[in-house]
Amino acid sequence: MNDLASRILSLVGGKDNVLANATCMTRLRLTLRDLSLVDQEALRQEEGVMGLVVQDQVQVILGPGKVNQVGSAFAQLTGLSLGYEELAADQVAKTNKAQQKAKYDKPLQRFLQRIANIFIPLLPGIIAAGMINGIANVINVSNQNAWAGEWWFQAIRTMG
């Protein structure tokens, strides 16, 4: 099991890439600094690995029984305890923020963000104008255009 644990460790980017490790009934769950360092295809082909799920963490499916042995060996190799208690919340936040920033830092994304930053402050005014216009139209219909010629009603309709 030490061999499998050391092969998994090398395929996920080494000891420095592992932030935390834990096990569940069938999976070795790894929280990594950089998911791009994971050799997913080689990990899937590794003997003893039943499957692989890569999302915000890497989940290596090993099967019941085997996962506990490999998890213990993996924890010894990394020097981290088996579980998430050593992983500080601010460290996870920094890692997640860096990953999200890298994911959405493309020229098109930056352009769309600039356009959004222009219109987002205008939304409350647009919503208020729509509400005023809707209320003015309801009043106009309910009293059968009785106030249509009044100056104050025209001013309210102009605001909407």
N, C-alpha and C. Protein backbone atom coordinates (compact mmCIF):
# COMPACT_ATOMS: atom_id res chain seq x y z
N MET A 1 0.81 -1.20 0.00
CA MET A 1 0.00 0.00 0.00
C MET A 1 0.86 1.26 0.00
N ASN A 2 2.07 1.16 0.58
CA ASN A 2 2.97 2.30 0.55
C ASN A 2 3.36 2.66 -0.88
N ASP A 3 3.51 1.63 -1.74
CA ASP A 3 3.87 1.89 -3.14
C ASP A 3 2.76 2.66 -3.84
N LEU A 4 1.52 2.22 -3.64
CA LEU A 4 0.39 2.91 -4.27
C LEU A 4 0.28 4.33 -3.75
N ALA A 5 0.45 4.51 -2.46
CA ALA A 5 0.38 5.86 -1.87
C ALA A 5 1.47 6.76 -2.44
N SER A 6 2.68 6.23 -2.58
CA SER A 6 3.77 7.06 -3.12
C SER A 6 3.56 7.37 -4.59
N ARG A 7 2.99 6.41 -5.35
CA ARG A 7 2.70 6.68 -6.77
C ARG A 7 1.60 7.74 -6.90
N ILE A 8 0.57 7.65 -6.06
CA ILE A 8 -0.49 8.66 -6.07
C ILE A 8 0.08 10.02 -5.72
N LEU A 9 0.95 10.05 -4.71
CA LEU A 9 1.56 11.32 -4.30
C LEU A 9 2.35 11.95 -5.44
N SER A 10 3.10 11.16 -6.17
CA SER A 10 3.88 11.73 -7.28
C SER A 10 2.97 12.18 -8.42
N LEU A 11 1.84 11.50 -8.63
CA LEU A 11 0.94 11.86 -9.73
C LEU A 11 0.06 13.07 -9.42
N VAL A 12 -0.05 13.45 -8.16
CA VAL A 12 -0.84 14.64 -7.81
C VAL A 12 0.04 15.87 -7.62
N GLY A 13 1.30 15.78 -7.94
CA GLY A 13 2.16 16.95 -7.90
C GLY A 13 3.13 16.98 -6.74
N GLY A 14 3.22 15.91 -5.98
CA GLY A 14 4.20 15.86 -4.90
C GLY A 14 3.68 16.38 -3.58
N LYS A 15 4.52 16.23 -2.58
CA LYS A 15 4.17 16.59 -1.20
C LYS A 15 3.83 18.07 -1.05
N ASP A 16 4.53 18.94 -1.77
CA ASP A 16 4.30 20.38 -1.64
C ASP A 16 2.96 20.82 -2.20
N ASN A 17 2.35 20.01 -3.06
CA ASN A 17 1.07 20.37 -3.66
C ASN A 17 -0.12 19.94 -2.79
N VAL A 18 0.10 19.11 -1.80
CA VAL A 18 -0.99 18.58 -0.98
C VAL A 18 -1.21 19.48 0.24
N LEU A 19 -2.42 20.02 0.33
CA LEU A 19 -2.80 20.85 1.49
C LEU A 19 -3.42 20.00 2.59
N ALA A 20 -4.26 19.04 2.20
CA ALA A 20 -4.94 18.19 3.18
C ALA A 20 -5.33 16.88 2.52
N ASN A 21 -5.49 15.85 3.35
CA ASN A 21 -5.94 14.56 2.85
C ASN A 21 -6.88 13.95 3.86
N ALA A 22 -7.87 13.24 3.35
CA ALA A 22 -8.84 12.58 4.22
C ALA A 22 -9.38 11.37 3.47
N THR A 23 -10.04 10.49 4.20
CA THR A 23 -10.65 9.33 3.56
C THR A 23 -12.12 9.27 3.94
N CYS A 24 -12.90 8.66 3.06
CA CYS A 24 -14.26 8.30 3.40
C CYS A 24 -14.36 6.79 3.20
N MET A 25 -15.49 6.25 2.92
CA MET A 25 -15.64 4.79 2.81
C MET A 25 -14.84 4.21 1.65
N THR A 26 -14.78 4.91 0.54
CA THR A 26 -14.13 4.35 -0.65
C THR A 26 -13.11 5.27 -1.29
N ARG A 27 -12.98 6.50 -0.82
CA ARG A 27 -12.18 7.49 -1.54
C ARG A 27 -11.11 8.13 -0.67
N LEU A 28 -10.00 8.42 -1.31
CA LEU A 28 -8.95 9.25 -0.72
C LEU A 28 -9.19 10.65 -1.27
N ARG A 29 -9.54 11.58 -0.40
CA ARG A 29 -9.88 12.94 -0.81
C ARG A 29 -8.69 13.85 -0.55
N LEU A 30 -8.25 14.53 -1.60
CA LEU A 30 -7.06 15.36 -1.52
C LEU A 30 -7.41 16.80 -1.86
N THR A 31 -7.04 17.72 -1.00
CA THR A 31 -7.15 19.15 -1.29
C THR A 31 -5.76 19.61 -1.71
N LEU A 32 -5.68 20.15 -2.93
CA LEU A 32 -4.38 20.48 -3.52
C LEU A 32 -4.23 21.97 -3.75
N ARG A 33 -3.00 22.43 -3.80
CA ARG A 33 -2.71 23.83 -4.12
C ARG A 33 -3.01 24.13 -5.58
N ASP A 34 -2.56 23.26 -6.47
CA ASP A 34 -2.67 23.50 -7.91
C ASP A 34 -3.18 22.24 -8.58
N LEU A 35 -4.43 22.28 -9.05
CA LEU A 35 -5.02 21.10 -9.69
C LEU A 35 -4.40 20.80 -11.05
N SER A 36 -3.74 21.78 -11.65
CA SER A 36 -3.15 21.55 -12.97
C SER A 36 -1.94 20.62 -12.91
N LEU A 37 -1.39 20.40 -11.73
CA LEU A 37 -0.24 19.50 -11.58
C LEU A 37 -0.64 18.03 -11.54
N VAL A 38 -1.93 17.75 -11.48
CA VAL A 38 -2.41 16.37 -11.38
C VAL A 38 -2.37 15.71 -12.76
N ASP A 39 -1.74 14.56 -12.85
CA ASP A 39 -1.72 13.76 -14.08
C ASP A 39 -2.93 12.83 -14.02
N GLN A 40 -4.07 13.33 -14.48
CA GLN A 40 -5.33 12.61 -14.32
C GLN A 40 -5.34 11.28 -15.06
N GLU A 41 -4.84 11.28 -16.28
CA GLU A 41 -4.87 10.05 -17.08
C GLU A 41 -4.01 8.96 -16.45
N ALA A 42 -2.81 9.32 -16.02
CA ALA A 42 -1.94 8.33 -15.38
C ALA A 42 -2.53 7.85 -14.06
N LEU A 43 -3.20 8.73 -13.35
CA LEU A 43 -3.82 8.35 -12.08
C LEU A 43 -4.97 7.38 -12.31
N ARG A 44 -5.75 7.61 -13.37
CA ARG A 44 -6.85 6.69 -13.70
C ARG A 44 -6.32 5.31 -14.10
N GLN A 45 -5.17 5.28 -14.77
CA GLN A 45 -4.58 4.02 -15.24
C GLN A 45 -3.82 3.27 -14.15
N GLU A 46 -3.58 3.92 -13.03
CA GLU A 46 -2.78 3.31 -11.95
C GLU A 46 -3.48 2.06 -11.42
N GLU A 47 -2.71 0.99 -11.23
CA GLU A 47 -3.26 -0.25 -10.71
C GLU A 47 -3.69 -0.04 -9.26
N GLY A 48 -4.91 -0.44 -8.96
CA GLY A 48 -5.45 -0.25 -7.62
C GLY A 48 -6.39 0.94 -7.53
N VAL A 49 -6.36 1.81 -8.52
CA VAL A 49 -7.25 2.97 -8.54
C VAL A 49 -8.48 2.61 -9.37
N MET A 50 -9.66 2.67 -8.76
CA MET A 50 -10.90 2.31 -9.45
C MET A 50 -11.48 3.47 -10.24
N GLY A 51 -11.16 4.68 -9.86
CA GLY A 51 -11.70 5.84 -10.54
C GLY A 51 -11.14 7.12 -9.96
N LEU A 52 -11.53 8.23 -10.58
CA LEU A 52 -11.01 9.53 -10.18
C LEU A 52 -12.08 10.58 -10.41
N VAL A 53 -12.26 11.45 -9.42
CA VAL A 53 -13.18 12.58 -9.55
C VAL A 53 -12.36 13.83 -9.24
N VAL A 54 -12.34 14.77 -10.20
CA VAL A 54 -11.59 16.01 -10.00
C VAL A 54 -12.57 17.17 -10.06
N GLN A 55 -12.73 17.84 -8.93
CA GLN A 55 -13.52 19.07 -8.86
C GLN A 55 -12.71 20.07 -8.08
N ASP A 56 -13.21 20.54 -6.95
CA ASP A 56 -12.40 21.43 -6.12
C ASP A 56 -11.39 20.64 -5.31
N GLN A 57 -11.62 19.35 -5.17
CA GLN A 57 -10.63 18.45 -4.60
C GLN A 57 -10.50 17.24 -5.51
N VAL A 58 -9.42 16.50 -5.34
CA VAL A 58 -9.21 15.28 -6.12
C VAL A 58 -9.66 14.12 -5.25
N GLN A 59 -10.56 13.30 -5.79
CA GLN A 59 -11.04 12.13 -5.07
C GLN A 59 -10.57 10.89 -5.82
N VAL A 60 -9.68 10.14 -5.20
CA VAL A 60 -9.15 8.92 -5.79
C VAL A 60 -9.98 7.76 -5.22
N ILE A 61 -10.71 7.07 -6.09
CA ILE A 61 -11.57 5.98 -5.65
C ILE A 61 -10.74 4.71 -5.57
N LEU A 62 -10.63 4.17 -4.36
CA LEU A 62 -9.79 2.99 -4.12
C LEU A 62 -10.60 1.78 -3.68
N GLY A 63 -11.77 1.97 -3.16
CA GLY A 63 -12.59 0.87 -2.69
C GLY A 63 -12.53 0.74 -1.18
N PRO A 64 -13.52 0.05 -0.60
CA PRO A 64 -13.57 -0.10 0.86
C PRO A 64 -12.42 -0.98 1.35
N GLY A 65 -11.91 -0.65 2.51
CA GLY A 65 -10.81 -1.42 3.09
C GLY A 65 -9.46 -0.92 2.63
N LYS A 66 -9.25 -0.89 1.35
CA LYS A 66 -7.97 -0.46 0.79
C LYS A 66 -7.73 1.02 1.05
N VAL A 67 -8.82 1.82 1.05
CA VAL A 67 -8.67 3.26 1.21
C VAL A 67 -8.07 3.62 2.56
N ASN A 68 -8.39 2.87 3.60
CA ASN A 68 -7.85 3.18 4.93
C ASN A 68 -6.35 2.94 4.98
N GLN A 69 -5.90 1.85 4.36
CA GLN A 69 -4.47 1.53 4.35
C GLN A 69 -3.70 2.55 3.52
N VAL A 70 -4.21 2.84 2.32
CA VAL A 70 -3.54 3.81 1.45
C VAL A 70 -3.59 5.20 2.08
N GLY A 71 -4.71 5.55 2.71
CA GLY A 71 -4.84 6.85 3.36
C GLY A 71 -3.83 7.03 4.47
N SER A 72 -3.64 6.00 5.28
CA SER A 72 -2.64 6.07 6.36
C SER A 72 -1.24 6.21 5.81
N ALA A 73 -0.92 5.43 4.77
CA ALA A 73 0.41 5.53 4.15
C ALA A 73 0.60 6.89 3.51
N PHE A 74 -0.45 7.42 2.88
CA PHE A 74 -0.37 8.73 2.23
C PHE A 74 -0.14 9.82 3.27
N ALA A 75 -0.82 9.71 4.41
CA ALA A 75 -0.66 10.69 5.48
C ALA A 75 0.77 10.67 6.02
N GLN A 76 1.36 9.48 6.13
CA GLN A 76 2.75 9.39 6.59
C GLN A 76 3.70 10.02 5.58
N LEU A 77 3.44 9.80 4.29
CA LEU A 77 4.31 10.35 3.26
C LEU A 77 4.25 11.88 3.21
N THR A 78 3.05 12.43 3.41
CA THR A 78 2.91 13.89 3.33
C THR A 78 3.25 14.57 4.64
N GLY A 79 3.18 13.84 5.73
CA GLY A 79 3.42 14.45 7.03
C GLY A 79 2.20 15.18 7.57
N LEU A 80 1.07 15.04 6.90
CA LEU A 80 -0.18 15.65 7.34
C LEU A 80 -1.03 14.59 8.02
N SER A 81 -1.79 14.98 9.01
CA SER A 81 -2.68 14.01 9.63
C SER A 81 -3.84 13.73 8.68
N LEU A 82 -4.43 12.57 8.83
CA LEU A 82 -5.52 12.16 7.96
C LEU A 82 -6.80 12.86 8.40
N GLY A 83 -7.17 13.92 7.73
CA GLY A 83 -8.34 14.73 8.06
C GLY A 83 -8.08 16.16 7.67
N TYR A 84 -9.05 17.02 7.93
CA TYR A 84 -8.96 18.40 7.47
C TYR A 84 -8.66 19.40 8.58
N GLU A 85 -8.39 18.95 9.80
CA GLU A 85 -8.24 19.89 10.89
C GLU A 85 -7.03 20.81 10.75
N GLU A 86 -5.98 20.36 10.03
CA GLU A 86 -4.78 21.19 9.92
C GLU A 86 -4.92 22.30 8.88
N LEU A 87 -5.92 22.19 8.03
CA LEU A 87 -6.10 23.15 6.95
C LEU A 87 -6.84 24.37 7.47
N ALA A 88 -6.15 25.49 7.54
CA ALA A 88 -6.75 26.72 8.05
C ALA A 88 -7.72 27.31 7.03
N ALA A 89 -8.75 27.95 7.53
CA ALA A 89 -9.77 28.52 6.65
C ALA A 89 -9.19 29.60 5.75
N ASP A 90 -8.28 30.41 6.27
CA ASP A 90 -7.71 31.46 5.43
C ASP A 90 -6.83 30.88 4.33
N GLN A 91 -6.20 29.75 4.59
CA GLN A 91 -5.38 29.11 3.57
C GLN A 91 -6.26 28.56 2.45
N VAL A 92 -7.39 27.97 2.81
CA VAL A 92 -8.33 27.47 1.81
C VAL A 92 -8.89 28.63 1.00
N ALA A 93 -9.23 29.72 1.68
CA ALA A 93 -9.78 30.89 1.00
C ALA A 93 -8.78 31.47 0.00
N LYS A 94 -7.52 31.58 0.40
CA LYS A 94 -6.50 32.10 -0.51
C LYS A 94 -6.33 31.20 -1.72
N THR A 95 -6.30 29.90 -1.49
CA THR A 95 -6.14 28.95 -2.58
C THR A 95 -7.32 29.02 -3.54
N ASN A 96 -8.54 29.01 -2.99
CA ASN A 96 -9.73 29.08 -3.83
C ASN A 96 -9.80 30.38 -4.61
N LYS A 97 -9.46 31.48 -3.96
CA LYS A 97 -9.50 32.78 -4.63
C LYS A 97 -8.50 32.83 -5.77
N ALA A 98 -7.31 32.30 -5.55
CA ALA A 98 -6.29 32.29 -6.61
C ALA A 98 -6.74 31.42 -7.77
N GLN A 99 -7.35 30.27 -7.48
CA GLN A 99 -7.83 29.40 -8.55
C GLN A 99 -8.94 30.05 -9.34
N GLN A 100 -9.89 30.69 -8.66
CA GLN A 100 -10.99 31.35 -9.35
C GLN A 100 -10.50 32.54 -10.17
N LYS A 101 -9.56 33.28 -9.62
CA LYS A 101 -9.02 34.43 -10.34
C LYS A 101 -8.31 33.98 -11.61
N ALA A 102 -7.55 32.91 -11.51
CA ALA A 102 -6.85 32.39 -12.69
C ALA A 102 -7.85 31.85 -13.71
N LYS A 103 -8.92 31.26 -13.22
CA LYS A 103 -9.92 30.68 -14.11
C LYS A 103 -10.66 31.75 -14.91
N TYR A 104 -10.94 32.89 -14.29
CA TYR A 104 -11.72 33.94 -14.93
C TYR A 104 -10.89 35.14 -15.35
N ASP A 105 -9.61 34.99 -15.47
CA ASP A 105 -8.76 36.11 -15.86
C ASP A 105 -8.36 35.98 -17.33
N LYS A 106 -9.36 36.10 -18.19
CA LYS A 106 -9.14 36.04 -19.63
C LYS A 106 -9.59 37.37 -20.21
N PRO A 107 -9.09 37.76 -21.38
CA PRO A 107 -9.43 39.07 -21.95
C PRO A 107 -10.94 39.30 -22.09
N LEU A 108 -11.67 38.30 -22.57
CA LEU A 108 -13.11 38.47 -22.73
C LEU A 108 -13.79 38.65 -21.37
N GLN A 109 -13.35 37.88 -20.38
CA GLN A 109 -13.93 38.00 -19.04
C GLN A 109 -13.67 39.39 -18.45
N ARG A 110 -12.45 39.89 -18.64
CA ARG A 110 -12.12 41.23 -18.12
C ARG A 110 -12.97 42.29 -18.81
N PHE A 111 -13.17 42.17 -20.13
CA PHE A 111 -13.99 43.13 -20.87
C PHE A 111 -15.43 43.11 -20.36
N LEU A 112 -16.00 41.91 -20.22
CA LEU A 112 -17.37 41.81 -19.73
C LEU A 112 -17.51 42.32 -18.30
N GLN A 113 -16.47 42.14 -17.49
CA GLN A 113 -16.50 42.65 -16.12
C GLN A 113 -16.52 44.17 -16.11
N ARG A 114 -15.77 44.78 -17.01
CA ARG A 114 -15.77 46.26 -17.10
C ARG A 114 -17.14 46.78 -17.51
N ILE A 115 -17.78 46.12 -18.48
CA ILE A 115 -19.12 46.52 -18.91
C ILE A 115 -20.10 46.35 -17.74
N ALA A 116 -20.00 45.23 -17.03
CA ALA A 116 -20.89 44.99 -15.89
C ALA A 116 -20.68 46.03 -14.81
N ASN A 117 -19.44 46.44 -14.58
CA ASN A 117 -19.15 47.44 -13.55
C ASN A 117 -19.76 48.80 -13.89
N ILE A 118 -20.02 49.05 -15.16
CA ILE A 118 -20.67 50.30 -15.56
C ILE A 118 -22.16 50.24 -15.24
N PHE A 119 -22.81 49.12 -15.54
CA PHE A 119 -24.26 49.04 -15.43
C PHE A 119 -24.78 48.62 -14.05
N ILE A 120 -23.98 47.95 -13.27
CA ILE A 120 -24.44 47.50 -11.95
C ILE A 120 -24.87 48.67 -11.06
N PRO A 121 -24.14 49.78 -10.98
CA PRO A 121 -24.61 50.89 -10.15
C PRO A 121 -25.90 51.54 -10.66
N LEU A 122 -26.22 51.36 -11.94
CA LEU A 122 -27.43 51.96 -12.51
C LEU A 122 -28.68 51.14 -12.24
N LEU A 123 -28.54 49.88 -11.85
CA LEU A 123 -29.69 49.01 -11.68
C LEU A 123 -30.74 49.52 -10.70
N PRO A 124 -30.39 50.03 -9.53
CA PRO A 124 -31.44 50.54 -8.64
C PRO A 124 -32.27 51.66 -9.27
N GLY A 125 -31.63 52.55 -10.01
CA GLY A 125 -32.36 53.63 -10.68
C GLY A 125 -33.28 53.11 -11.76
N ILE A 126 -32.81 52.12 -12.52
CA ILE A 126 -33.64 51.53 -13.58
C ILE A 126 -34.84 50.82 -12.96
N ILE A 127 -34.62 50.11 -11.87
CA ILE A 127 -35.71 49.41 -11.19
C ILE A 127 -36.72 50.42 -10.63
N ALA A 128 -36.24 51.49 -10.02
CA ALA A 128 -37.14 52.51 -9.46
C ALA A 128 -37.96 53.16 -10.56
N ALA A 129 -37.34 53.47 -11.69
CA ALA A 129 -38.08 54.08 -12.80
C ALA A 129 -39.15 53.14 -13.32
N GLY A 130 -38.85 51.87 -13.40
CA GLY A 130 -39.84 50.89 -13.84
C GLY A 130 -41.00 50.78 -12.87
N MET A 131 -40.69 50.81 -11.58
CA MET A 131 -41.76 50.75 -10.58
C MET A 131 -42.65 51.98 -10.65
N ILE A 132 -42.05 53.16 -10.78
CA ILE A 132 -42.83 54.41 -10.89
C ILE A 132 -43.71 54.37 -12.13
N ASN A 133 -43.15 53.92 -13.24
CA ASN A 133 -43.91 53.84 -14.49
C ASN A 133 -45.07 52.85 -14.34
N GLY A 134 -44.82 51.71 -13.72
CA GLY A 134 -45.88 50.73 -13.53
C GLY A 134 -46.99 51.25 -12.65
N ILE A 135 -46.64 51.89 -11.54
CA ILE A 135 -47.65 52.44 -10.63
C ILE A 135 -48.44 53.55 -11.33
N ALA A 136 -47.76 54.40 -12.09
CA ALA A 136 -48.45 55.47 -12.81
C ALA A 136 -49.43 54.90 -13.83
N ASN A 137 -49.05 53.83 -14.51
CA ASN A 137 -49.95 53.22 -15.49
C ASN A 137 -51.15 52.56 -14.81
N VAL A 138 -50.94 51.94 -13.65
CA VAL A 138 -52.06 51.35 -12.91
C VAL A 138 -53.03 52.44 -12.48
N ILE A 139 -52.50 53.55 -11.96
CA ILE A 139 -53.35 54.68 -11.55
C ILE A 139 -54.10 55.24 -12.76
N ASN A 140 -53.42 55.37 -13.87
CA ASN A 140 -54.02 55.93 -15.08
C ASN A 140 -55.16 55.04 -15.57
N VAL A 141 -54.98 53.74 -15.55
CA VAL A 141 -56.02 52.82 -16.01
C VAL A 141 -57.17 52.77 -15.00
N SER A 142 -56.85 52.79 -13.71
CA SER A 142 -57.90 52.65 -12.69
C SER A 142 -58.83 53.86 -12.63
N ASN A 143 -58.35 55.05 -12.94
CA ASN A 143 -59.24 56.22 -12.90
C ASN A 143 -59.59 56.71 -14.30
N GLN A 144 -59.40 55.87 -15.30
CA GLN A 144 -59.81 56.10 -16.69
C GLN A 144 -59.31 57.43 -17.24
N ASN A 145 -58.01 57.64 -17.12
CA ASN A 145 -57.32 58.81 -17.67
C ASN A 145 -57.81 60.13 -17.09
N ALA A 146 -58.36 60.12 -15.87
CA ALA A 146 -58.88 61.35 -15.28
C ALA A 146 -57.75 62.33 -14.97
N TRP A 147 -56.57 61.83 -14.65
CA TRP A 147 -55.46 62.71 -14.29
C TRP A 147 -54.45 62.86 -15.42
N ALA A 148 -54.78 62.39 -16.60
CA ALA A 148 -53.83 62.39 -17.70
C ALA A 148 -53.36 63.80 -18.06
N GLY A 149 -54.20 64.82 -17.88
CA GLY A 149 -53.82 66.18 -18.23
C GLY A 149 -53.18 66.96 -17.10
N GLU A 150 -53.16 66.42 -15.90
CA GLU A 150 -52.61 67.13 -14.75
C GLU A 150 -51.09 67.19 -14.86
N TRP A 151 -50.53 68.35 -14.47
CA TRP A 151 -49.09 68.55 -14.60
C TRP A 151 -48.29 67.62 -13.70
N TRP A 152 -48.78 67.39 -12.46
CA TRP A 152 -48.04 66.56 -11.52
C TRP A 152 -48.05 65.09 -11.95
N PHE A 153 -49.17 64.67 -12.59
CA PHE A 153 -49.23 63.29 -13.07
C PHE A 153 -48.29 63.10 -14.26
N GLN A 154 -48.22 64.11 -15.10
CA GLN A 154 -47.29 64.05 -16.24
C GLN A 154 -45.84 64.01 -15.75
N ALA A 155 -45.55 64.75 -14.66
CA ALA A 155 -44.19 64.74 -14.10
C ALA A 155 -43.84 63.35 -13.56
N ILE A 156 -44.80 62.72 -12.89
CA ILE A 156 -44.56 61.37 -12.36
C ILE A 156 -44.33 60.38 -13.50
N ARG A 157 -45.14 60.49 -14.56
CA ARG A 157 -44.98 59.58 -15.70
C ARG A 157 -43.66 59.83 -16.41
N THR A 158 -43.19 61.06 -16.41
CA THR A 158 -41.90 61.37 -17.02
C THR A 158 -40.76 60.74 -16.22
N MET A 159 -40.89 60.72 -14.89
CA MET A 159 -39.86 60.07 -14.06
C MET A 159 -39.77 58.58 -14.37
N GLY A 160 -40.90 57.97 -14.68
CA GLY A 160 -40.91 56.53 -14.94
C GLY A 160 -40.56 56.29 -16.36
